[in-house]
Amino acid sequence: MIGIDTSFLVAWVIPEHPEHAACRRMADHAVRQGRVLGLTPGILAEFIHVVTDPRRFAKPLDMTQATAIARFWADAAEVTILPQSQELADLWCDWLQLHRLGRKRLLDTLIAATWHHAGITEVFTLNPADFEVFDAFTFLPPLGE
């Protein structure tokens, strides 16, 4: 399973994003290989928040469009919505303490803990620095490519 980060999902959806075509190709390639893509409810919420923000995009989506796209991803046969459990909450709190992360890292840490708890080691993200501290993931494509 490949974890999908918000940054990747945003680029996949927004045509004006400079990584739009590359993210489309990467996702299509993974699906053709039979890979399953792992998403969290938090990523879908963050996605809607970002793509509807007129300060970020010249042509933001409206809530109806953004919600429809989030539902498309949530319902896709190639996607698994990752569950959250008490063990995951414990890991999240442990990682916040272990890595001495503050309030601005809460969601990234929850996403990383969710991926890790689900056994995900490969991640599609445009922001690998957000997750490098956990030393648990390979970023696709590899850094530097």
N, C-alpha and C. Protein backbone atom coordinates (compact mmCIF):
# COMPACT_ATOMS: atom_id res chain seq x y z
N MET A 1 0.85 -1.18 0.00
CA MET A 1 0.00 0.00 0.00
C MET A 1 0.89 1.24 0.00
N ILE A 2 0.46 2.26 -0.71
CA ILE A 2 1.18 3.53 -0.78
C ILE A 2 0.34 4.59 -0.09
N GLY A 3 0.94 5.29 0.86
CA GLY A 3 0.26 6.40 1.52
C GLY A 3 0.17 7.60 0.59
N ILE A 4 -0.94 8.28 0.63
CA ILE A 4 -1.16 9.48 -0.17
C ILE A 4 -1.23 10.67 0.78
N ASP A 5 -0.35 11.64 0.57
CA ASP A 5 -0.35 12.86 1.37
C ASP A 5 -1.23 13.91 0.70
N THR A 6 -1.65 14.88 1.47
CA THR A 6 -2.49 15.96 0.97
C THR A 6 -1.83 16.69 -0.18
N SER A 7 -0.54 16.97 -0.08
CA SER A 7 0.15 17.72 -1.13
C SER A 7 0.06 17.01 -2.47
N PHE A 8 0.17 15.71 -2.47
CA PHE A 8 0.07 14.92 -3.69
C PHE A 8 -1.35 14.96 -4.24
N LEU A 9 -2.32 14.80 -3.37
CA LEU A 9 -3.72 14.80 -3.79
C LEU A 9 -4.11 16.16 -4.37
N VAL A 10 -3.65 17.24 -3.75
CA VAL A 10 -3.93 18.58 -4.26
C VAL A 10 -3.34 18.74 -5.66
N ALA A 11 -2.09 18.35 -5.83
CA ALA A 11 -1.45 18.47 -7.15
C ALA A 11 -2.17 17.60 -8.18
N TRP A 12 -2.63 16.42 -7.78
CA TRP A 12 -3.34 15.52 -8.68
C TRP A 12 -4.61 16.19 -9.22
N VAL A 13 -5.27 17.00 -8.38
CA VAL A 13 -6.57 17.58 -8.71
C VAL A 13 -6.47 18.93 -9.42
N ILE A 14 -5.55 19.78 -9.01
CA ILE A 14 -5.51 21.17 -9.46
C ILE A 14 -4.64 21.30 -10.72
N PRO A 15 -5.26 21.56 -11.87
CA PRO A 15 -4.49 21.65 -13.12
C PRO A 15 -3.40 22.71 -13.12
N GLU A 16 -3.58 23.81 -12.39
CA GLU A 16 -2.58 24.87 -12.37
C GLU A 16 -1.36 24.51 -11.49
N HIS A 17 -1.45 23.44 -10.74
CA HIS A 17 -0.33 23.04 -9.88
C HIS A 17 0.82 22.56 -10.76
N PRO A 18 2.06 22.99 -10.49
CA PRO A 18 3.18 22.60 -11.34
C PRO A 18 3.46 21.10 -11.38
N GLU A 19 3.03 20.34 -10.38
CA GLU A 19 3.27 18.89 -10.34
C GLU A 19 2.04 18.08 -10.74
N HIS A 20 1.03 18.76 -11.30
CA HIS A 20 -0.23 18.10 -11.65
C HIS A 20 -0.02 16.88 -12.55
N ALA A 21 0.64 17.07 -13.67
CA ALA A 21 0.81 15.97 -14.63
C ALA A 21 1.64 14.83 -14.03
N ALA A 22 2.69 15.18 -13.31
CA ALA A 22 3.55 14.14 -12.71
C ALA A 22 2.77 13.32 -11.69
N CYS A 23 1.97 13.96 -10.86
CA CYS A 23 1.19 13.23 -9.86
C CYS A 23 0.14 12.35 -10.51
N ARG A 24 -0.47 12.83 -11.57
CA ARG A 24 -1.43 11.99 -12.31
C ARG A 24 -0.74 10.74 -12.84
N ARG A 25 0.44 10.92 -13.45
CA ARG A 25 1.18 9.77 -14.01
C ARG A 25 1.56 8.78 -12.91
N MET A 26 2.04 9.29 -11.78
CA MET A 26 2.47 8.41 -10.69
C MET A 26 1.30 7.60 -10.14
N ALA A 27 0.17 8.25 -9.92
CA ALA A 27 -1.00 7.55 -9.39
C ALA A 27 -1.50 6.51 -10.39
N ASP A 28 -1.57 6.90 -11.65
CA ASP A 28 -2.02 5.96 -12.68
C ASP A 28 -1.10 4.75 -12.76
N HIS A 29 0.21 4.99 -12.70
CA HIS A 29 1.18 3.90 -12.76
C HIS A 29 1.01 2.95 -11.56
N ALA A 30 0.84 3.51 -10.38
CA ALA A 30 0.66 2.68 -9.18
C ALA A 30 -0.59 1.81 -9.30
N VAL A 31 -1.68 2.41 -9.78
CA VAL A 31 -2.93 1.66 -9.91
C VAL A 31 -2.79 0.56 -10.96
N ARG A 32 -2.12 0.86 -12.08
CA ARG A 32 -1.91 -0.16 -13.11
C ARG A 32 -1.07 -1.32 -12.57
N GLN A 33 -0.20 -1.05 -11.60
CA GLN A 33 0.61 -2.10 -10.98
C GLN A 33 -0.18 -2.88 -9.92
N GLY A 34 -1.41 -2.47 -9.69
CA GLY A 34 -2.24 -3.15 -8.69
C GLY A 34 -2.01 -2.68 -7.27
N ARG A 35 -1.35 -1.54 -7.11
CA ARG A 35 -1.09 -1.02 -5.77
C ARG A 35 -2.36 -0.40 -5.19
N VAL A 36 -2.51 -0.52 -3.91
CA VAL A 36 -3.61 0.10 -3.17
C VAL A 36 -3.08 1.41 -2.59
N LEU A 37 -3.90 2.44 -2.57
CA LEU A 37 -3.53 3.75 -2.07
C LEU A 37 -4.22 3.97 -0.73
N GLY A 38 -3.46 4.38 0.29
CA GLY A 38 -4.00 4.58 1.63
C GLY A 38 -4.22 6.05 1.94
N LEU A 39 -5.44 6.37 2.33
CA LEU A 39 -5.81 7.74 2.70
C LEU A 39 -6.37 7.76 4.11
N THR A 40 -6.27 8.92 4.75
CA THR A 40 -6.90 9.11 6.06
C THR A 40 -8.03 10.13 5.92
N PRO A 41 -9.01 10.07 6.80
CA PRO A 41 -10.04 11.11 6.79
C PRO A 41 -9.43 12.51 6.96
N GLY A 42 -8.37 12.61 7.75
CA GLY A 42 -7.72 13.91 7.95
C GLY A 42 -7.12 14.47 6.67
N ILE A 43 -6.58 13.60 5.84
CA ILE A 43 -6.03 14.05 4.56
C ILE A 43 -7.15 14.57 3.67
N LEU A 44 -8.27 13.88 3.65
CA LEU A 44 -9.40 14.35 2.84
C LEU A 44 -9.92 15.69 3.35
N ALA A 45 -9.97 15.87 4.66
CA ALA A 45 -10.41 17.15 5.23
C ALA A 45 -9.42 18.26 4.88
N GLU A 46 -8.13 17.97 5.03
CA GLU A 46 -7.11 18.96 4.69
C GLU A 46 -7.15 19.29 3.19
N PHE A 47 -7.38 18.28 2.36
CA PHE A 47 -7.51 18.49 0.93
C PHE A 47 -8.62 19.50 0.63
N ILE A 48 -9.80 19.29 1.20
CA ILE A 48 -10.92 20.20 0.96
C ILE A 48 -10.56 21.61 1.43
N HIS A 49 -9.93 21.71 2.57
CA HIS A 49 -9.52 23.01 3.11
C HIS A 49 -8.59 23.73 2.14
N VAL A 50 -7.62 23.03 1.59
CA VAL A 50 -6.62 23.65 0.71
C VAL A 50 -7.21 24.03 -0.64
N VAL A 51 -7.91 23.11 -1.29
CA VAL A 51 -8.35 23.36 -2.67
C VAL A 51 -9.48 24.38 -2.77
N THR A 52 -10.12 24.72 -1.66
CA THR A 52 -11.18 25.74 -1.68
C THR A 52 -10.66 27.11 -1.24
N ASP A 53 -9.37 27.23 -1.00
CA ASP A 53 -8.78 28.47 -0.49
C ASP A 53 -8.39 29.40 -1.65
N PRO A 54 -9.08 30.53 -1.81
CA PRO A 54 -8.75 31.45 -2.91
C PRO A 54 -7.39 32.13 -2.77
N ARG A 55 -6.79 32.06 -1.59
CA ARG A 55 -5.45 32.63 -1.42
C ARG A 55 -4.37 31.71 -1.98
N ARG A 56 -4.71 30.46 -2.20
CA ARG A 56 -3.73 29.49 -2.70
C ARG A 56 -3.79 29.28 -4.20
N PHE A 57 -4.99 29.43 -4.78
CA PHE A 57 -5.17 29.12 -6.20
C PHE A 57 -5.99 30.20 -6.88
N ALA A 58 -5.64 30.47 -8.14
CA ALA A 58 -6.39 31.44 -8.93
C ALA A 58 -7.81 30.94 -9.17
N LYS A 59 -7.96 29.63 -9.30
CA LYS A 59 -9.28 29.03 -9.54
C LYS A 59 -9.54 27.93 -8.50
N PRO A 60 -9.83 28.33 -7.25
CA PRO A 60 -10.10 27.30 -6.24
C PRO A 60 -11.40 26.58 -6.54
N LEU A 61 -11.53 25.40 -5.99
CA LEU A 61 -12.77 24.66 -6.12
C LEU A 61 -13.79 25.19 -5.12
N ASP A 62 -15.05 25.02 -5.42
CA ASP A 62 -16.05 25.34 -4.41
C ASP A 62 -16.25 24.09 -3.54
N MET A 63 -16.99 24.24 -2.45
CA MET A 63 -17.16 23.12 -1.51
C MET A 63 -17.82 21.91 -2.16
N THR A 64 -18.77 22.15 -3.05
CA THR A 64 -19.45 21.04 -3.71
C THR A 64 -18.46 20.24 -4.56
N GLN A 65 -17.64 20.94 -5.33
CA GLN A 65 -16.64 20.27 -6.17
C GLN A 65 -15.62 19.52 -5.30
N ALA A 66 -15.11 20.20 -4.29
CA ALA A 66 -14.07 19.60 -3.44
C ALA A 66 -14.60 18.38 -2.71
N THR A 67 -15.82 18.46 -2.21
CA THR A 67 -16.41 17.32 -1.50
C THR A 67 -16.66 16.16 -2.45
N ALA A 68 -17.07 16.46 -3.67
CA ALA A 68 -17.29 15.39 -4.66
C ALA A 68 -15.98 14.67 -4.99
N ILE A 69 -14.89 15.42 -5.09
CA ILE A 69 -13.59 14.80 -5.37
C ILE A 69 -13.11 13.99 -4.17
N ALA A 70 -13.31 14.51 -2.96
CA ALA A 70 -12.94 13.75 -1.76
C ALA A 70 -13.74 12.44 -1.70
N ARG A 71 -15.02 12.51 -2.03
CA ARG A 71 -15.85 11.30 -2.03
C ARG A 71 -15.38 10.32 -3.11
N PHE A 72 -15.00 10.84 -4.30
CA PHE A 72 -14.47 10.00 -5.37
C PHE A 72 -13.27 9.20 -4.85
N TRP A 73 -12.34 9.89 -4.21
CA TRP A 73 -11.16 9.21 -3.68
C TRP A 73 -11.53 8.24 -2.57
N ALA A 74 -12.40 8.63 -1.69
CA ALA A 74 -12.79 7.76 -0.57
C ALA A 74 -13.49 6.49 -1.05
N ASP A 75 -14.23 6.61 -2.16
CA ASP A 75 -15.00 5.47 -2.66
C ASP A 75 -14.26 4.65 -3.72
N ALA A 76 -13.10 5.10 -4.18
CA ALA A 76 -12.38 4.42 -5.26
C ALA A 76 -11.96 3.02 -4.82
N ALA A 77 -12.11 2.07 -5.73
CA ALA A 77 -11.75 0.68 -5.43
C ALA A 77 -10.27 0.54 -5.09
N GLU A 78 -9.44 1.43 -5.62
CA GLU A 78 -7.98 1.36 -5.41
C GLU A 78 -7.55 2.01 -4.10
N VAL A 79 -8.49 2.55 -3.35
CA VAL A 79 -8.18 3.32 -2.14
C VAL A 79 -8.72 2.62 -0.91
N THR A 80 -7.91 2.62 0.13
CA THR A 80 -8.36 2.18 1.44
C THR A 80 -8.33 3.38 2.37
N ILE A 81 -9.44 3.62 3.06
CA ILE A 81 -9.46 4.64 4.10
C ILE A 81 -8.94 3.96 5.37
N LEU A 82 -7.85 4.49 5.88
CA LEU A 82 -7.15 3.85 6.98
C LEU A 82 -7.87 4.08 8.30
N PRO A 83 -8.06 3.02 9.07
CA PRO A 83 -8.76 3.15 10.35
C PRO A 83 -7.87 3.80 11.41
N GLN A 84 -8.53 4.37 12.39
CA GLN A 84 -7.82 4.95 13.52
C GLN A 84 -8.28 4.24 14.78
N SER A 85 -7.32 3.93 15.65
CA SER A 85 -7.60 3.10 16.81
C SER A 85 -6.89 3.67 18.04
N GLN A 86 -7.11 3.03 19.17
CA GLN A 86 -6.42 3.43 20.39
C GLN A 86 -4.91 3.26 20.25
N GLU A 87 -4.49 2.16 19.62
CA GLU A 87 -3.06 1.93 19.41
C GLU A 87 -2.45 3.04 18.56
N LEU A 88 -3.19 3.49 17.55
CA LEU A 88 -2.72 4.58 16.72
C LEU A 88 -2.61 5.87 17.54
N ALA A 89 -3.61 6.15 18.36
CA ALA A 89 -3.56 7.35 19.20
C ALA A 89 -2.34 7.31 20.13
N ASP A 90 -2.04 6.13 20.65
CA ASP A 90 -0.86 5.99 21.52
C ASP A 90 0.42 6.26 20.74
N LEU A 91 0.53 5.71 19.52
CA LEU A 91 1.70 5.94 18.69
C LEU A 91 1.84 7.41 18.36
N TRP A 92 0.76 8.06 18.01
CA TRP A 92 0.76 9.50 17.70
C TRP A 92 1.31 10.31 18.88
N CYS A 93 0.79 10.05 20.07
CA CYS A 93 1.27 10.76 21.26
C CYS A 93 2.73 10.43 21.55
N ASP A 94 3.09 9.16 21.39
CA ASP A 94 4.49 8.77 21.60
C ASP A 94 5.42 9.51 20.65
N TRP A 95 5.05 9.60 19.36
CA TRP A 95 5.90 10.28 18.38
C TRP A 95 5.98 11.77 18.65
N LEU A 96 4.87 12.38 19.08
CA LEU A 96 4.92 13.81 19.43
C LEU A 96 5.93 14.05 20.53
N GLN A 97 5.94 13.18 21.55
CA GLN A 97 6.88 13.32 22.66
C GLN A 97 8.31 12.97 22.25
N LEU A 98 8.47 11.84 21.59
CA LEU A 98 9.78 11.36 21.20
C LEU A 98 10.53 12.38 20.33
N HIS A 99 9.82 12.95 19.37
CA HIS A 99 10.45 13.87 18.42
C HIS A 99 10.30 15.33 18.84
N ARG A 100 9.70 15.55 20.02
CA ARG A 100 9.51 16.90 20.56
C ARG A 100 8.85 17.84 19.56
N LEU A 101 7.74 17.38 19.04
CA LEU A 101 7.02 18.13 18.02
C LEU A 101 5.96 19.01 18.66
N GLY A 102 5.77 20.17 18.08
CA GLY A 102 4.81 21.13 18.61
C GLY A 102 3.48 21.10 17.89
N ARG A 103 2.67 22.08 18.20
CA ARG A 103 1.30 22.12 17.70
C ARG A 103 1.19 22.22 16.19
N LYS A 104 2.19 22.77 15.53
CA LYS A 104 2.14 22.88 14.07
C LYS A 104 2.46 21.56 13.39
N ARG A 105 2.83 20.55 14.15
CA ARG A 105 3.14 19.24 13.58
C ARG A 105 2.12 18.17 13.97
N LEU A 106 1.01 18.57 14.58
CA LEU A 106 0.01 17.61 15.04
C LEU A 106 -0.56 16.76 13.90
N LEU A 107 -1.02 17.41 12.83
CA LEU A 107 -1.67 16.65 11.75
C LEU A 107 -0.66 15.79 10.99
N ASP A 108 0.52 16.34 10.68
CA ASP A 108 1.53 15.53 9.99
C ASP A 108 1.90 14.30 10.82
N THR A 109 2.01 14.47 12.11
CA THR A 109 2.36 13.34 12.98
C THR A 109 1.22 12.32 13.01
N LEU A 110 -0.01 12.78 13.06
CA LEU A 110 -1.15 11.86 13.03
C LEU A 110 -1.20 11.10 11.72
N ILE A 111 -0.95 11.79 10.61
CA ILE A 111 -0.93 11.13 9.30
C ILE A 111 0.18 10.08 9.27
N ALA A 112 1.37 10.46 9.69
CA ALA A 112 2.50 9.53 9.68
C ALA A 112 2.23 8.32 10.58
N ALA A 113 1.68 8.56 11.76
CA ALA A 113 1.38 7.45 12.67
C ALA A 113 0.32 6.53 12.06
N THR A 114 -0.65 7.11 11.36
CA THR A 114 -1.69 6.30 10.72
C THR A 114 -1.09 5.43 9.63
N TRP A 115 -0.24 6.02 8.79
CA TRP A 115 0.43 5.22 7.76
C TRP A 115 1.24 4.10 8.40
N HIS A 116 2.06 4.45 9.38
CA HIS A 116 2.94 3.47 10.01
C HIS A 116 2.12 2.35 10.66
N HIS A 117 1.06 2.71 11.35
CA HIS A 117 0.22 1.73 12.01
C HIS A 117 -0.42 0.78 11.00
N ALA A 118 -0.68 1.28 9.78
CA ALA A 118 -1.28 0.46 8.71
C ALA A 118 -0.22 -0.33 7.94
N GLY A 119 1.04 -0.20 8.31
CA GLY A 119 2.10 -0.94 7.63
C GLY A 119 2.60 -0.27 6.36
N ILE A 120 2.24 0.97 6.14
CA ILE A 120 2.67 1.70 4.95
C ILE A 120 4.11 2.17 5.13
N THR A 121 4.93 1.90 4.12
CA THR A 121 6.32 2.36 4.14
C THR A 121 6.64 3.27 2.96
N GLU A 122 5.77 3.28 1.94
CA GLU A 122 5.98 4.12 0.76
C GLU A 122 4.90 5.19 0.72
N VAL A 123 5.33 6.42 0.38
CA VAL A 123 4.41 7.55 0.44
C VAL A 123 4.56 8.42 -0.80
N PHE A 124 3.41 8.84 -1.35
CA PHE A 124 3.38 9.88 -2.37
C PHE A 124 3.19 11.21 -1.64
N THR A 125 4.19 12.07 -1.67
CA THR A 125 4.10 13.39 -1.07
C THR A 125 4.99 14.35 -1.84
N LEU A 126 4.62 15.60 -1.85
CA LEU A 126 5.47 16.64 -2.40
C LEU A 126 6.25 17.33 -1.30
N ASN A 127 6.00 16.92 -0.06
CA ASN A 127 6.66 17.52 1.10
C ASN A 127 7.30 16.45 1.98
N PRO A 128 8.31 15.74 1.48
CA PRO A 128 8.90 14.68 2.31
C PRO A 128 9.48 15.18 3.62
N ALA A 129 9.91 16.43 3.67
CA ALA A 129 10.49 16.97 4.90
C ALA A 129 9.49 16.91 6.07
N ASP A 130 8.19 16.93 5.76
CA ASP A 130 7.18 16.85 6.81
C ASP A 130 7.20 15.51 7.54
N PHE A 131 7.77 14.48 6.89
CA PHE A 131 7.70 13.13 7.44
C PHE A 131 9.06 12.47 7.68
N GLU A 132 10.13 13.13 7.30
CA GLU A 132 11.47 12.53 7.42
C GLU A 132 11.85 12.24 8.87
N VAL A 133 11.40 13.05 9.81
CA VAL A 133 11.76 12.89 11.21
C VAL A 133 11.38 11.51 11.74
N PHE A 134 10.38 10.88 11.16
CA PHE A 134 9.90 9.59 11.66
C PHE A 134 10.75 8.42 11.17
N ASP A 135 11.58 8.65 10.17
CA ASP A 135 12.49 7.63 9.64
C ASP A 135 11.77 6.29 9.40
N ALA A 136 10.60 6.40 8.78
CA ALA A 136 9.78 5.20 8.58
C ALA A 136 9.29 5.03 7.15
N PHE A 137 9.61 5.99 6.28
CA PHE A 137 8.99 5.99 4.96
C PHE A 137 10.00 6.20 3.84
N THR A 138 9.66 5.63 2.68
CA THR A 138 10.35 5.91 1.44
C THR A 138 9.40 6.79 0.64
N PHE A 139 9.93 7.86 0.08
CA PHE A 139 9.10 8.81 -0.64
C PHE A 139 9.21 8.55 -2.14
N LEU A 140 8.05 8.48 -2.78
CA LEU A 140 7.98 8.17 -4.20
C LEU A 140 7.61 9.42 -4.98
N PRO A 141 8.34 9.82 -5.99
CA PRO A 141 9.60 9.22 -6.39
C PRO A 141 10.67 9.52 -5.35
N PRO A 142 11.76 8.76 -5.36
CA PRO A 142 12.82 8.98 -4.36
C PRO A 142 13.30 10.43 -4.40
N LEU A 143 13.72 10.91 -3.22
CA LEU A 143 14.25 12.28 -3.13
C LEU A 143 15.37 12.47 -4.13
N GLY A 144 15.40 13.62 -4.76
CA GLY A 144 16.47 13.95 -5.68
C GLY A 144 16.17 13.59 -7.12
N GLU A 145 15.03 12.97 -7.39
CA GLU A 145 14.68 12.63 -8.78
C GLU A 145 13.71 13.65 -9.33
